[in-house]
Protein backbone atom coordinates (compact mmCIF):
# COMPACT_ATOMS: atom_id res chain seq x y z
CA MET A 1 69.43 -50.32 -76.15
CA GLN A 2 72.31 -48.39 -77.72
CA HIS A 3 72.39 -44.63 -77.23
CA ASN A 4 74.85 -42.97 -79.60
CA ARG A 5 73.71 -39.39 -79.12
CA ILE A 6 72.23 -37.81 -76.00
CA LEU A 7 70.67 -34.34 -76.10
CA VAL A 8 70.92 -32.25 -72.94
CA PRO A 9 69.07 -28.91 -73.01
CA ILE A 10 70.84 -26.38 -70.77
CA ASP A 11 69.18 -23.35 -69.17
CA PHE A 12 71.97 -22.92 -66.58
CA SER A 13 69.69 -23.94 -63.70
CA GLN A 14 70.57 -26.49 -61.04
CA TYR A 15 68.13 -28.83 -62.80
CA SER A 16 69.95 -28.73 -66.13
CA LYS A 17 73.21 -29.20 -64.19
CA ALA A 18 71.70 -32.41 -62.75
CA ALA A 19 70.61 -33.49 -66.24
CA ASN A 20 74.19 -32.95 -67.44
CA PHE A 21 75.49 -35.05 -64.54
CA TYR A 22 73.24 -38.03 -65.37
CA ALA A 23 73.72 -37.70 -69.12
CA SER A 24 77.50 -37.71 -68.59
CA GLN A 25 77.27 -40.99 -66.70
CA PHE A 26 75.12 -42.55 -69.44
CA ALA A 27 77.38 -41.23 -72.19
CA GLU A 28 80.48 -42.71 -70.57
CA ALA A 29 78.82 -46.09 -70.03
CA MET A 30 77.44 -46.24 -73.58
CA ASP A 31 80.24 -44.45 -75.42
CA ALA A 32 77.72 -41.86 -76.60
CA GLU A 33 78.14 -38.24 -77.63
CA ILE A 34 76.39 -35.48 -75.68
CA VAL A 35 74.84 -32.61 -77.60
CA PHE A 36 74.46 -29.63 -75.26
CA LEU A 37 71.71 -27.27 -76.43
CA HIS A 38 70.95 -23.80 -75.18
CA VAL A 39 67.89 -22.02 -76.56
CA ALA A 40 68.36 -18.27 -76.32
CA ASP A 41 66.40 -15.15 -77.09
CA PRO A 42 67.23 -13.82 -80.55
CA PRO A 43 69.99 -11.18 -80.60
CA PRO A 44 68.98 -7.58 -81.33
CA LYS A 45 68.22 -6.95 -84.99
CA ASP A 46 71.00 -4.38 -85.29
CA SER A 47 73.70 -6.80 -84.09
CA ASN A 48 75.94 -9.06 -86.15
CA VAL A 49 74.27 -12.46 -85.59
CA GLU A 50 77.36 -14.49 -86.57
CA ASP A 51 79.62 -12.60 -84.14
CA GLU A 52 76.97 -12.82 -81.44
CA LEU A 53 76.57 -16.57 -82.01
CA ASP A 54 80.34 -17.16 -81.92
CA SER A 55 80.54 -15.31 -78.63
CA MET A 56 77.59 -17.24 -77.20
CA ILE A 57 79.07 -20.62 -78.22
CA LEU A 58 82.42 -19.71 -76.65
CA ASP A 59 80.72 -18.65 -73.42
CA PHE A 60 78.51 -21.77 -73.45
CA SER A 61 81.48 -24.10 -73.97
CA TYR A 62 83.34 -22.38 -71.14
CA LYS A 63 80.44 -22.82 -68.68
CA VAL A 64 79.20 -26.30 -69.58
CA ARG A 65 81.16 -29.52 -69.98
CA PRO A 66 80.41 -33.17 -69.31
CA PHE A 67 80.97 -34.25 -65.73
CA VAL A 68 82.99 -37.25 -66.93
CA PHE A 69 86.34 -36.60 -68.56
CA GLY A 70 86.69 -37.86 -72.13
CA VAL A 71 83.00 -37.93 -73.03
CA ARG A 72 82.50 -36.72 -76.60
CA HIS A 73 80.36 -33.60 -76.74
CA CYS A 74 79.36 -30.64 -78.87
CA TYR A 75 77.39 -27.42 -78.47
CA GLU A 76 74.36 -25.99 -80.22
CA ILE A 77 72.65 -22.66 -79.69
CA ARG A 78 69.24 -22.08 -81.18
CA PHE A 79 66.84 -19.17 -81.03
CA GLY A 80 63.10 -19.48 -80.44
CA LYS A 81 60.74 -21.45 -78.25
CA PRO A 82 62.69 -23.97 -76.14
CA ALA A 83 60.43 -27.03 -76.56
CA ALA A 84 60.15 -26.58 -80.32
CA GLN A 85 63.91 -26.11 -80.72
CA ILE A 86 64.71 -29.12 -78.52
CA LEU A 87 62.41 -31.36 -80.56
CA LYS A 88 63.68 -29.98 -83.88
CA LEU A 89 67.33 -30.57 -82.97
CA ALA A 90 66.54 -34.05 -81.64
CA ASP A 91 65.10 -34.95 -85.05
CA GLU A 92 67.86 -33.25 -87.06
CA ARG A 93 70.68 -34.92 -85.12
CA ASN A 94 68.96 -38.34 -84.76
CA VAL A 95 69.14 -38.15 -80.98
CA ASP A 96 68.60 -41.44 -79.14
CA LEU A 97 67.82 -39.96 -75.70
CA ILE A 98 66.92 -36.54 -74.29
CA VAL A 99 67.95 -35.89 -70.68
CA ILE A 100 66.18 -32.76 -69.48
CA GLY A 101 65.97 -31.01 -66.14
CA THR A 102 62.52 -30.24 -64.84
CA HIS A 103 61.77 -27.59 -62.28
CA GLY A 104 58.92 -29.69 -60.89
CA ARG A 105 56.42 -26.83 -60.89
CA THR A 106 52.81 -27.69 -60.25
CA GLY A 107 49.51 -25.83 -60.14
CA SER A 108 49.19 -22.23 -61.27
CA SER A 109 52.96 -21.73 -61.60
CA ARG A 110 53.13 -24.53 -64.21
CA VAL A 111 50.02 -23.28 -66.00
CA LEU A 112 51.29 -19.69 -66.20
CA GLN A 113 54.85 -20.53 -67.23
CA GLY A 114 54.12 -23.68 -69.21
CA SER A 115 56.36 -26.68 -69.01
CA VAL A 116 59.09 -27.13 -71.58
CA CYS A 117 59.77 -30.59 -70.17
CA GLU A 118 56.12 -31.60 -70.43
CA LYS A 119 55.95 -30.48 -74.08
CA VAL A 120 59.13 -32.41 -74.87
CA PHE A 121 57.78 -35.52 -73.10
CA ARG A 122 54.52 -35.39 -75.06
CA ARG A 123 55.97 -34.71 -78.52
CA SER A 124 59.34 -36.43 -78.60
CA THR A 125 59.89 -39.39 -80.92
CA CYS A 126 62.77 -40.66 -78.75
CA PRO A 127 62.94 -41.55 -75.04
CA VAL A 128 63.08 -38.64 -72.59
CA LEU A 129 64.51 -38.75 -69.08
CA GLY A 130 63.31 -35.93 -66.83
CA VAL A 131 65.61 -35.05 -63.94
CA LYS A 132 63.65 -33.36 -61.17
CA SER A 133 66.33 -33.01 -58.54
CA SER A 134 69.18 -30.58 -58.42
CA ILE A 135 72.69 -31.45 -57.34
CA ASN A 136 75.30 -29.39 -55.59
CA ILE A 137 78.39 -29.78 -57.75
CA ASN A 138 80.42 -27.46 -59.95
CA TRP A 139 80.01 -27.13 -63.73
CA VAL A 140 83.65 -28.07 -64.13
CA PHE A 141 84.64 -31.61 -65.13
CA ARG A 142 87.54 -33.63 -63.73
CA SER A 143 90.99 -33.10 -65.16
CA GLU A 144 92.96 -35.99 -66.69
CA ASP A 145 95.05 -36.12 -63.48
CA GLN A 146 91.97 -37.00 -61.43
CA VAL A 147 90.61 -39.76 -63.65
CA GLY A 148 90.92 -43.09 -61.93
CA GLY A 149 92.27 -41.49 -58.78
């Protein structure tokens, strides 16, 4: 199965960091592009949305990069409900795979907070890989000097 575009929702948790790690490995092996998505709260109504969005994209691109050097990637920021925005972007960008971190909540915690991952699993028209574990590595990717070394 060919995966040309992999969507990785990022909430800056250890779980989305792990999703980025695995998606980076898949993207390198399959020569796929990663689309990093962050779903944020809407900016205040009295702010300049375009300036706010530019600032958010710059900050997002500074904090999140593929773990494998040379993997093609881009950034998207959307406002609204995370599951709905993930599914909408997956359809708009013809995503072949969603790699999403899951906090692994169960019981009343899951019921009270809902599960973005569960909603994405149930409604997605493309395959979804849920990453339950976290990993202890930095957000920074390898430099060109370190590749192959």
